[in-house]
Amino acid sequence: MNTKKEVIIGFAVGVIANTLGTLGYILLFSDLGISETFQAAIAQDHVGSLLALGAILNLVAFFGFLRLKRDHRARGVMVATLLTALVIMYYKFFK
């Protein structure tokens, strides 16, 4: 398969895993709804923490792809994780 396509698939998996991890954390550990929790995180400057907790699922995807010998897909998950880190840095320093 094409290397570029494999990296894009890994990136998509990384973004989806981060989104599902964030939503799962909100649903399991928050008494509020999804939008209310996100609004509270913005008000209390905890958006970065919320995104970082969601990125834990990227570890599962990354090491899963490495175990399956899908190195380019693992690289895509790493790019998605780095993008998440940049978003967290933006919220920490510019908001």
PDB file of N, CA and C in Angstrom:
ATOM      1  N   MET A   1       0.838  -1.179   0.000  1.00  0.00           N
ATOM      2  CA  MET A   1       0.000   0.000   0.000  1.00  0.00           C
ATOM      3  C   MET A   1       0.880   1.239   0.000  1.00  0.00           C
ATOM      4  N   ASN A   2       0.334   2.327  -0.448  1.00  0.00           N
ATOM      5  CA  ASN A   2       1.064   3.581  -0.535  1.00  0.00           C
ATOM      6  C   ASN A   2       1.416   4.098   0.864  1.00  0.00           C
ATOM      7  N   THR A   3       2.658   4.548   1.026  1.00  0.00           N
ATOM      8  CA  THR A   3       3.128   5.030   2.328  1.00  0.00           C
ATOM      9  C   THR A   3       2.320   6.225   2.809  1.00  0.00           C
ATOM     10  N   LYS A   4       2.044   7.160   1.908  1.00  0.00           N
ATOM     11  CA  LYS A   4       1.284   8.358   2.266  1.00  0.00           C
ATOM     12  C   LYS A   4      -0.119   7.998   2.748  1.00  0.00           C
ATOM     13  N   LYS A   5      -0.731   7.038   2.081  1.00  0.00           N
ATOM     14  CA  LYS A   5      -2.072   6.600   2.463  1.00  0.00           C
ATOM     15  C   LYS A   5      -2.050   5.938   3.842  1.00  0.00           C
ATOM     16  N   GLU A   6      -1.014   5.168   4.128  1.00  0.00           N
ATOM     17  CA  GLU A   6      -0.877   4.513   5.431  1.00  0.00           C
ATOM     18  C   GLU A   6      -0.737   5.543   6.554  1.00  0.00           C
ATOM     19  N   VAL A   7       0.056   6.596   6.314  1.00  0.00           N
ATOM     20  CA  VAL A   7       0.226   7.649   7.327  1.00  0.00           C
ATOM     21  C   VAL A   7      -1.102   8.379   7.549  1.00  0.00           C
ATOM     22  N   ILE A   8      -1.840   8.636   6.479  1.00  0.00           N
ATOM     23  CA  ILE A   8      -3.141   9.318   6.608  1.00  0.00           C
ATOM     24  C   ILE A   8      -4.126   8.452   7.384  1.00  0.00           C
ATOM     25  N   ILE A   9      -4.126   7.155   7.139  1.00  0.00           N
ATOM     26  CA  ILE A   9      -4.990   6.243   7.897  1.00  0.00           C
ATOM     27  C   ILE A   9      -4.615   6.270   9.373  1.00  0.00           C
ATOM     28  N   GLY A  10      -3.321   6.231   9.668  1.00  0.00           N
ATOM     29  CA  GLY A  10      -2.863   6.306  11.055  1.00  0.00           C
ATOM     30  C   GLY A  10      -3.248   7.623  11.708  1.00  0.00           C
ATOM     31  N   PHE A  11      -3.142   8.729  10.954  1.00  0.00           N
ATOM     32  CA  PHE A  11      -3.538  10.035  11.476  1.00  0.00           C
ATOM     33  C   PHE A  11      -5.030  10.045  11.819  1.00  0.00           C
ATOM     34  N   ALA A  12      -5.845   9.508  10.912  1.00  0.00           N
ATOM     35  CA  ALA A  12      -7.288   9.453  11.165  1.00  0.00           C
ATOM     36  C   ALA A  12      -7.596   8.604  12.394  1.00  0.00           C
ATOM     37  N   VAL A  13      -6.920   7.477  12.530  1.00  0.00           N
ATOM     38  CA  VAL A  13      -7.114   6.629  13.711  1.00  0.00           C
ATOM     39  C   VAL A  13      -6.709   7.381  14.977  1.00  0.00           C
ATOM     40  N   GLY A  14      -5.612   8.137  14.915  1.00  0.00           N
ATOM     41  CA  GLY A  14      -5.163   8.915  16.063  1.00  0.00           C
ATOM     42  C   GLY A  14      -6.154   9.987  16.470  1.00  0.00           C
ATOM     43  N   VAL A  15      -6.722  10.692  15.498  1.00  0.00           N
ATOM     44  CA  VAL A  15      -7.715  11.727  15.795  1.00  0.00           C
ATOM     45  C   VAL A  15      -8.980  11.104  16.376  1.00  0.00           C
ATOM     46  N   ILE A  16      -9.417   9.990  15.786  1.00  0.00           N
ATOM     47  CA  ILE A  16     -10.621   9.312  16.281  1.00  0.00           C
ATOM     48  C   ILE A  16     -10.383   8.763  17.688  1.00  0.00           C
ATOM     49  N   ALA A  17      -9.208   8.174  17.926  1.00  0.00           N
ATOM     50  CA  ALA A  17      -8.901   7.633  19.255  1.00  0.00           C
ATOM     51  C   ALA A  17      -8.866   8.752  20.291  1.00  0.00           C
ATOM     52  N   ASN A  18      -8.299   9.899  19.934  1.00  0.00           N
ATOM     53  CA  ASN A  18      -8.253  11.022  20.865  1.00  0.00           C
ATOM     54  C   ASN A  18      -9.653  11.536  21.160  1.00  0.00           C
ATOM     55  N   THR A  19     -10.479  11.634  20.143  1.00  0.00           N
ATOM     56  CA  THR A  19     -11.856  12.092  20.329  1.00  0.00           C
ATOM     57  C   THR A  19     -12.636  11.121  21.204  1.00  0.00           C
ATOM     58  N   LEU A  20     -12.512   9.837  20.926  1.00  0.00           N
ATOM     59  CA  LEU A  20     -13.217   8.840  21.733  1.00  0.00           C
ATOM     60  C   LEU A  20     -12.695   8.806  23.167  1.00  0.00           C
ATOM     61  N   GLY A  21     -11.393   8.990  23.342  1.00  0.00           N
ATOM     62  CA  GLY A  21     -10.824   9.029  24.686  1.00  0.00           C
ATOM     63  C   GLY A  21     -11.332  10.217  25.484  1.00  0.00           C
ATOM     64  N   THR A  22     -11.408  11.375  24.840  1.00  0.00           N
ATOM     65  CA  THR A  22     -11.914  12.572  25.513  1.00  0.00           C
ATOM     66  C   THR A  22     -13.388  12.408  25.871  1.00  0.00           C
ATOM     67  N   LEU A  23     -14.183  11.930  24.916  1.00  0.00           N
ATOM     68  CA  LEU A  23     -15.613  11.719  25.184  1.00  0.00           C
ATOM     69  C   LEU A  23     -15.818  10.644  26.243  1.00  0.00           C
ATOM     70  N   GLY A  24     -15.037   9.593  26.197  1.00  0.00           N
ATOM     71  CA  GLY A  24     -15.144   8.535  27.209  1.00  0.00           C
ATOM     72  C   GLY A  24     -14.818   9.041  28.596  1.00  0.00           C
ATOM     73  N   TYR A  25     -13.774   9.862  28.692  1.00  0.00           N
ATOM     74  CA  TYR A  25     -13.431  10.439  29.990  1.00  0.00           C
ATOM     75  C   TYR A  25     -14.567  11.318  30.508  1.00  0.00           C
ATOM     76  N   ILE A  26     -15.141  12.131  29.626  1.00  0.00           N
ATOM     77  CA  ILE A  26     -16.241  13.010  30.039  1.00  0.00           C
ATOM     78  C   ILE A  26     -17.438  12.186  30.498  1.00  0.00           C
ATOM     79  N   LEU A  27     -17.779  11.158  29.730  1.00  0.00           N
ATOM     80  CA  LEU A  27     -18.961  10.358  30.071  1.00  0.00           C
ATOM     81  C   LEU A  27     -18.770   9.541  31.345  1.00  0.00           C
ATOM     82  N   LEU A  28     -17.549   9.066  31.586  1.00  0.00           N
ATOM     83  CA  LEU A  28     -17.309   8.235  32.764  1.00  0.00           C
ATOM     84  C   LEU A  28     -17.117   9.033  34.050  1.00  0.00           C
ATOM     85  N   PHE A  29     -16.430  10.168  33.955  1.00  0.00           N
ATOM     86  CA  PHE A  29     -16.009  10.851  35.172  1.00  0.00           C
ATOM     87  C   PHE A  29     -16.641  12.217  35.405  1.00  0.00           C
ATOM     88  N   SER A  30     -17.541  12.636  34.551  1.00  0.00           N
ATOM     89  CA  SER A  30     -18.154  13.950  34.727  1.00  0.00           C
ATOM     90  C   SER A  30     -19.643  13.785  34.999  1.00  0.00           C
ATOM     91  N   ASP A  31     -20.130  14.622  35.891  1.00  0.00           N
ATOM     92  CA  ASP A  31     -21.565  14.609  36.192  1.00  0.00           C
ATOM     93  C   ASP A  31     -22.352  15.443  35.189  1.00  0.00           C
ATOM     94  N   LEU A  32     -21.664  16.264  34.415  1.00  0.00           N
ATOM     95  CA  LEU A  32     -22.294  17.134  33.432  1.00  0.00           C
ATOM     96  C   LEU A  32     -22.345  16.449  32.077  1.00  0.00           C
ATOM     97  N   GLY A  33     -23.055  17.061  31.148  1.00  0.00           N
ATOM     98  CA  GLY A  33     -23.080  16.566  29.785  1.00  0.00           C
ATOM     99  C   GLY A  33     -21.798  16.923  29.058  1.00  0.00           C
ATOM    100  N   ILE A  34     -21.714  16.524  27.808  1.00  0.00           N
ATOM    101  CA  ILE A  34     -20.501  16.748  27.037  1.00  0.00           C
ATOM    102  C   ILE A  34     -20.260  18.237  26.817  1.00  0.00           C
ATOM    103  N   SER A  35     -21.258  18.953  26.334  1.00  0.00           N
ATOM    104  CA  SER A  35     -21.055  20.373  26.058  1.00  0.00           C
ATOM    105  C   SER A  35     -20.853  21.173  27.338  1.00  0.00           C
ATOM    106  N   GLU A  36     -21.560  20.811  28.410  1.00  0.00           N
ATOM    107  CA  GLU A  36     -21.387  21.522  29.681  1.00  0.00           C
ATOM    108  C   GLU A  36     -19.987  21.291  30.253  1.00  0.00           C
ATOM    109  N   THR A  37     -19.482  20.067  30.130  1.00  0.00           N
ATOM    110  CA  THR A  37     -18.135  19.766  30.612  1.00  0.00           C
ATOM    111  C   THR A  37     -17.100  20.537  29.813  1.00  0.00           C
ATOM    112  N   PHE A  38     -17.290  20.603  28.505  1.00  0.00           N
ATOM    113  CA  PHE A  38     -16.339  21.337  27.676  1.00  0.00           C
ATOM    114  C   PHE A  38     -16.382  22.832  27.996  1.00  0.00           C
ATOM    115  N   GLN A  39     -17.587  23.371  28.211  1.00  0.00           N
ATOM    116  CA  GLN A  39     -17.710  24.792  28.585  1.00  0.00           C
ATOM    117  C   GLN A  39     -17.037  25.058  29.936  1.00  0.00           C
ATOM    118  N   ALA A  40     -17.225  24.153  30.889  1.00  0.00           N
ATOM    119  CA  ALA A  40     -16.583  24.300  32.198  1.00  0.00           C
ATOM    120  C   ALA A  40     -15.064  24.201  32.072  1.00  0.00           C
ATOM    121  N   ALA A  41     -14.586  23.331  31.195  1.00  0.00           N
ATOM    122  CA  ALA A  41     -13.139  23.197  30.985  1.00  0.00           C
ATOM    123  C   ALA A  41     -12.569  24.479  30.383  1.00  0.00           C
ATOM    124  N   ILE A  42     -13.297  25.106  29.489  1.00  0.00           N
ATOM    125  CA  ILE A  42     -12.851  26.375  28.909  1.00  0.00           C
ATOM    126  C   ILE A  42     -12.827  27.453  29.985  1.00  0.00           C
ATOM    127  N   ALA A  43     -13.882  27.520  30.797  1.00  0.00           N
ATOM    128  CA  ALA A  43     -13.969  28.547  31.836  1.00  0.00           C
ATOM    129  C   ALA A  43     -12.879  28.387  32.891  1.00  0.00           C
ATOM    130  N   GLN A  44     -12.490  27.156  33.189  1.00  0.00           N
ATOM    131  CA  GLN A  44     -11.501  26.900  34.240  1.00  0.00           C
ATOM    132  C   GLN A  44     -10.102  26.645  33.693  1.00  0.00           C
ATOM    133  N   ASP A  45      -9.909  26.859  32.395  1.00  0.00           N
ATOM    134  CA  ASP A  45      -8.620  26.640  31.729  1.00  0.00           C
ATOM    135  C   ASP A  45      -8.111  25.210  31.888  1.00  0.00           C
ATOM    136  N   HIS A  46      -8.990  24.234  31.700  1.00  0.00           N
ATOM    137  CA  HIS A  46      -8.618  22.825  31.792  1.00  0.00           C
ATOM    138  C   HIS A  46      -8.789  22.077  30.469  1.00  0.00           C
ATOM    139  N   VAL A  47      -8.866  22.814  29.364  1.00  0.00           N
ATOM    140  CA  VAL A  47      -9.060  22.166  28.071  1.00  0.00           C
ATOM    141  C   VAL A  47      -7.850  21.299  27.727  1.00  0.00           C
ATOM    142  N   GLY A  48      -6.664  21.791  28.006  1.00  0.00           N
ATOM    143  CA  GLY A  48      -5.455  21.016  27.728  1.00  0.00           C
ATOM    144  C   GLY A  48      -5.419  19.709  28.486  1.00  0.00           C
ATOM    145  N   SER A  49      -5.833  19.753  29.732  1.00  0.00           N
ATOM    146  CA  SER A  49      -5.869  18.523  30.538  1.00  0.00           C
ATOM    147  C   SER A  49      -6.882  17.539  29.986  1.00  0.00           C
ATOM    148  N   LEU A  50      -8.012  18.060  29.554  1.00  0.00           N
ATOM    149  CA  LEU A  50      -9.060  17.199  28.998  1.00  0.00           C
ATOM    150  C   LEU A  50      -8.568  16.522  27.718  1.00  0.00           C
ATOM    151  N   LEU A  51      -7.900  17.283  26.861  1.00  0.00           N
ATOM    152  CA  LEU A  51      -7.366  16.705  25.623  1.00  0.00           C
ATOM    153  C   LEU A  51      -6.231  15.721  25.896  1.00  0.00           C
ATOM    154  N   ALA A  52      -5.413  16.022  26.884  1.00  0.00           N
ATOM    155  CA  ALA A  52      -4.309  15.120  27.218  1.00  0.00           C
ATOM    156  C   ALA A  52      -4.825  13.786  27.742  1.00  0.00           C
ATOM    157  N   LEU A  53      -5.873  13.820  28.539  1.00  0.00           N
ATOM    158  CA  LEU A  53      -6.457  12.571  29.027  1.00  0.00           C
ATOM    159  C   LEU A  53      -7.076  11.766  27.886  1.00  0.00           C
ATOM    160  N   GLY A  54      -7.635  12.466  26.916  1.00  0.00           N
ATOM    161  CA  GLY A  54      -8.187  11.777  25.755  1.00  0.00           C
ATOM    162  C   GLY A  54      -7.120  11.140  24.883  1.00  0.00           C
ATOM    163  N   ALA A  55      -5.919  11.712  24.890  1.00  0.00           N
ATOM    164  CA  ALA A  55      -4.836  11.205  24.048  1.00  0.00           C
ATOM    165  C   ALA A  55      -4.249   9.897  24.557  1.00  0.00           C
ATOM    166  N   ILE A  56      -4.671   9.452  25.724  1.00  0.00           N
ATOM    167  CA  ILE A  56      -4.154   8.181  26.250  1.00  0.00           C
ATOM    168  C   ILE A  56      -4.509   7.020  25.324  1.00  0.00           C
ATOM    169  N   LEU A  57      -5.654   7.106  24.663  1.00  0.00           N
ATOM    170  CA  LEU A  57      -6.024   6.035  23.727  1.00  0.00           C
ATOM    171  C   LEU A  57      -5.092   5.984  22.525  1.00  0.00           C
ATOM    172  N   ASN A  58      -4.409   7.081  22.229  1.00  0.00           N
ATOM    173  CA  ASN A  58      -3.433   7.057  21.135  1.00  0.00           C
ATOM    174  C   ASN A  58      -2.290   6.094  21.432  1.00  0.00           C
ATOM    175  N   LEU A  59      -1.976   5.911  22.706  1.00  0.00           N
ATOM    176  CA  LEU A  59      -0.949   4.932  23.065  1.00  0.00           C
ATOM    177  C   LEU A  59      -1.344   3.532  22.617  1.00  0.00           C
ATOM    178  N   VAL A  60      -2.607   3.199  22.842  1.00  0.00           N
ATOM    179  CA  VAL A  60      -3.100   1.877  22.446  1.00  0.00           C
ATOM    180  C   VAL A  60      -3.004   1.713  20.929  1.00  0.00           C
ATOM    181  N   ALA A  61      -3.440   2.741  20.184  1.00  0.00           N
ATOM    182  CA  ALA A  61      -3.384   2.670  18.724  1.00  0.00           C
ATOM    183  C   ALA A  61      -1.936   2.600  18.237  1.00  0.00           C
ATOM    184  N   PHE A  62      -1.065   3.418  18.814  1.00  0.00           N
ATOM    185  CA  PHE A  62       0.334   3.463  18.389  1.00  0.00           C
ATOM    186  C   PHE A  62       1.013   2.114  18.589  1.00  0.00           C
ATOM    187  N   PHE A  63       0.929   1.576  19.790  1.00  0.00           N
ATOM    188  CA  PHE A  63       1.599   0.302  20.058  1.00  0.00           C
ATOM    189  C   PHE A  63       0.900  -0.864  19.366  1.00  0.00           C
ATOM    190  N   GLY A  64      -0.400  -0.744  19.143  1.00  0.00           N
ATOM    191  CA  GLY A  64      -1.109  -1.763  18.366  1.00  0.00           C
ATOM    192  C   GLY A  64      -0.599  -1.830  16.935  1.00  0.00           C
ATOM    193  N   PHE A  65      -0.415  -0.661  16.316  1.00  0.00           N
ATOM    194  CA  PHE A  65       0.129  -0.642  14.955  1.00  0.00           C
ATOM    195  C   PHE A  65       1.572  -1.135  14.917  1.00  0.00           C
ATOM    196  N   LEU A  66       2.356  -0.796  15.926  1.00  0.00           N
ATOM    197  CA  LEU A  66       3.725  -1.307  15.953  1.00  0.00           C
ATOM    198  C   LEU A  66       3.750  -2.824  16.089  1.00  0.00           C
ATOM    199  N   ARG A  67       2.855  -3.351  16.906  1.00  0.00           N
ATOM    200  CA  ARG A  67       2.799  -4.804  17.105  1.00  0.00           C
ATOM    201  C   ARG A  67       2.391  -5.521  15.818  1.00  0.00           C
ATOM    202  N   LEU A  68       1.518  -4.864  15.025  1.00  0.00           N
ATOM    203  CA  LEU A  68       1.062  -5.441  13.760  1.00  0.00           C
ATOM    204  C   LEU A  68       2.019  -5.153  12.601  1.00  0.00           C
ATOM    205  N   LYS A  69       3.163  -4.543  12.915  1.00  0.00           N
ATOM    206  CA  LYS A  69       4.170  -4.190  11.906  1.00  0.00           C
ATOM    207  C   LYS A  69       3.624  -3.198  10.882  1.00  0.00           C
ATOM    208  N   ARG A  70       2.802  -2.266  11.345  1.00  0.00           N
ATOM    209  CA  ARG A  70       2.267  -1.179  10.511  1.00  0.00           C
ATOM    210  C   ARG A  70       2.940   0.123  10.948  1.00  0.00           C
ATOM    211  N   ASP A  71       4.219   0.243  10.628  1.00  0.00           N
ATOM    212  CA  ASP A  71       5.012   1.363  11.119  1.00  0.00           C
ATOM    213  C   ASP A  71       4.533   2.707  10.579  1.00  0.00           C
ATOM    214  N   HIS A  72       4.089   2.742   9.338  1.00  0.00           N
ATOM    215  CA  HIS A  72       3.638   4.011   8.764  1.00  0.00           C
ATOM    216  C   HIS A  72       2.330   4.478   9.404  1.00  0.00           C
ATOM    217  N   ARG A  73       1.462   3.545   9.734  1.00  0.00           N
ATOM    218  CA  ARG A  73       0.236   3.921  10.448  1.00  0.00           C
ATOM    219  C   ARG A  73       0.569   4.419  11.852  1.00  0.00           C
ATOM    220  N   ALA A  74       1.543   3.785  12.499  1.00  0.00           N
ATOM    221  CA  ALA A  74       1.984   4.259  13.817  1.00  0.00           C
ATOM    222  C   ALA A  74       2.550   5.665  13.704  1.00  0.00           C
ATOM    223  N   ARG A  75       3.230   5.958  12.611  1.00  0.00           N
ATOM    224  CA  ARG A  75       3.745   7.303  12.373  1.00  0.00           C
ATOM    225  C   ARG A  75       2.593   8.310  12.249  1.00  0.00           C
ATOM    226  N   GLY A  76       1.505   7.918  11.610  1.00  0.00           N
ATOM    227  CA  GLY A  76       0.330   8.787  11.503  1.00  0.00           C
ATOM    228  C   GLY A  76      -0.296   9.068  12.856  1.00  0.00           C
ATOM    229  N   VAL A  77      -0.350   8.050  13.708  1.00  0.00           N
ATOM    230  CA  VAL A  77      -0.872   8.245  15.070  1.00  0.00           C
ATOM    231  C   VAL A  77       0.039   9.205  15.831  1.00  0.00           C
ATOM    232  N   MET A  78       1.353   9.091  15.625  1.00  0.00           N
ATOM    233  CA  MET A  78       2.293  10.005  16.276  1.00  0.00           C
ATOM    234  C   MET A  78       2.077  11.442  15.808  1.00  0.00           C
ATOM    235  N   VAL A  79       1.804  11.636  14.527  1.00  0.00           N
ATOM    236  CA  VAL A  79       1.527  12.980  14.012  1.00  0.00           C
ATOM    237  C   VAL A  79       0.254  13.538  14.649  1.00  0.00           C
ATOM    238  N   ALA A  80      -0.765  12.703  14.795  1.00  0.00           N
ATOM    239  CA  ALA A  80      -2.004  13.148  15.441  1.00  0.00           C
ATOM    240  C   ALA A  80      -1.755  13.513  16.900  1.00  0.00           C
ATOM    241  N   THR A  81      -0.908  12.763  17.572  1.00  0.00           N
ATOM    242  CA  THR A  81      -0.573  13.053  18.962  1.00  0.00           C
ATOM    243  C   THR A  81       0.211  14.366  19.067  1.00  0.00           C
ATOM    244  N   LEU A  82       1.125  14.597  18.145  1.00  0.00           N
ATOM    245  CA  LEU A  82       1.868  15.856  18.134  1.00  0.00           C
ATOM    246  C   LEU A  82       0.951  17.043  17.843  1.00  0.00           C
ATOM    247  N   LEU A  83      -0.029  16.844  16.968  1.00  0.00           N
ATOM    248  CA  LEU A  83      -1.012  17.902  16.707  1.00  0.00           C
ATOM    249  C   LEU A  83      -1.814  18.209  17.970  1.00  0.00           C
ATOM    250  N   THR A  84      -2.180  17.181  18.705  1.00  0.00           N
ATOM    251  CA  THR A  84      -2.877  17.374  19.979  1.00  0.00           C
ATOM    252  C   THR A  84      -2.006  18.153  20.954  1.00  0.00           C
ATOM    253  N   ALA A  85      -0.720  17.826  20.986  1.00  0.00           N
ATOM    254  CA  ALA A  85       0.202  18.551  21.869  1.00  0.00           C
ATOM    255  C   ALA A  85       0.292  20.026  21.476  1.00  0.00           C
ATOM    256  N   LEU A  86       0.277  20.320  20.185  1.00  0.00           N
ATOM    257  CA  LEU A  86       0.304  21.717  19.742  1.00  0.00           C
ATOM    258  C   LEU A  86      -0.972  22.453  20.132  1.00  0.00           C
ATOM    259  N   VAL A  87      -2.112  21.773  20.038  1.00  0.00           N
ATOM    260  CA  VAL A  87      -3.384  22.384  20.456  1.00  0.00           C
ATOM    261  C   VAL A  87      -3.358  22.655  21.961  1.00  0.00           C
ATOM    262  N   ILE A  88      -2.831  21.716  22.732  1.00  0.00           N
ATOM    263  CA  ILE A  88      -2.723  21.902  24.185  1.00  0.00           C
ATOM    264  C   ILE A  88      -1.810  23.085  24.499  1.00  0.00           C
ATOM    265  N   MET A  89      -0.683  23.182  23.787  1.00  0.00           N
ATOM    266  CA  MET A  89       0.213  24.314  24.001  1.00  0.00           C
ATOM    267  C   MET A  89      -0.468  25.630  23.656  1.00  0.00           C
ATOM    268  N   TYR A  90      -1.266  25.635  22.603  1.00  0.00           N
ATOM    269  CA  TYR A  90      -2.006  26.846  22.226  1.00  0.00           C
ATOM    270  C   TYR A  90      -2.939  27.269  23.353  1.00  0.00           C
ATOM    271  N   TYR A  91      -3.698  26.323  23.899  1.00  0.00           N
ATOM    272  CA  TYR A  91      -4.611  26.642  24.986  1.00  0.00           C
ATOM    273  C   TYR A  91      -3.871  27.083  26.257  1.00  0.00           C
ATOM    274  N   LYS A  92      -2.710  26.523  26.501  1.00  0.00           N
ATOM    275  CA  LYS A  92      -1.948  26.885  27.709  1.00  0.00           C
ATOM    276  C   LYS A  92      -1.337  28.276  27.611  1.00  0.00           C
ATOM    277  N   PHE A  93      -0.829  28.650  26.428  1.00  0.00           N
ATOM    278  CA  PHE A  93      -0.075  29.882  26.315  1.00  0.00           C
ATOM    279  C   PHE A  93      -0.835  31.055  25.699  1.00  0.00           C
ATOM    280  N   PHE A  94      -1.852  30.798  24.889  1.00  0.00           N
ATOM    281  CA  PHE A  94      -2.509  31.880  24.165  1.00  0.00           C
ATOM    282  C   PHE A  94      -3.965  32.095  24.539  1.00  0.00           C
ATOM    283  N   LYS A  95      -4.510  31.327  25.425  1.00  0.00           N
ATOM    284  CA  LYS A  95      -5.908  31.512  25.841  1.00  0.00           C
ATOM    285  C   LYS A  95      -5.981  31.949  27.260  1.00  0.00           C
TER     286      LYS A  95
END
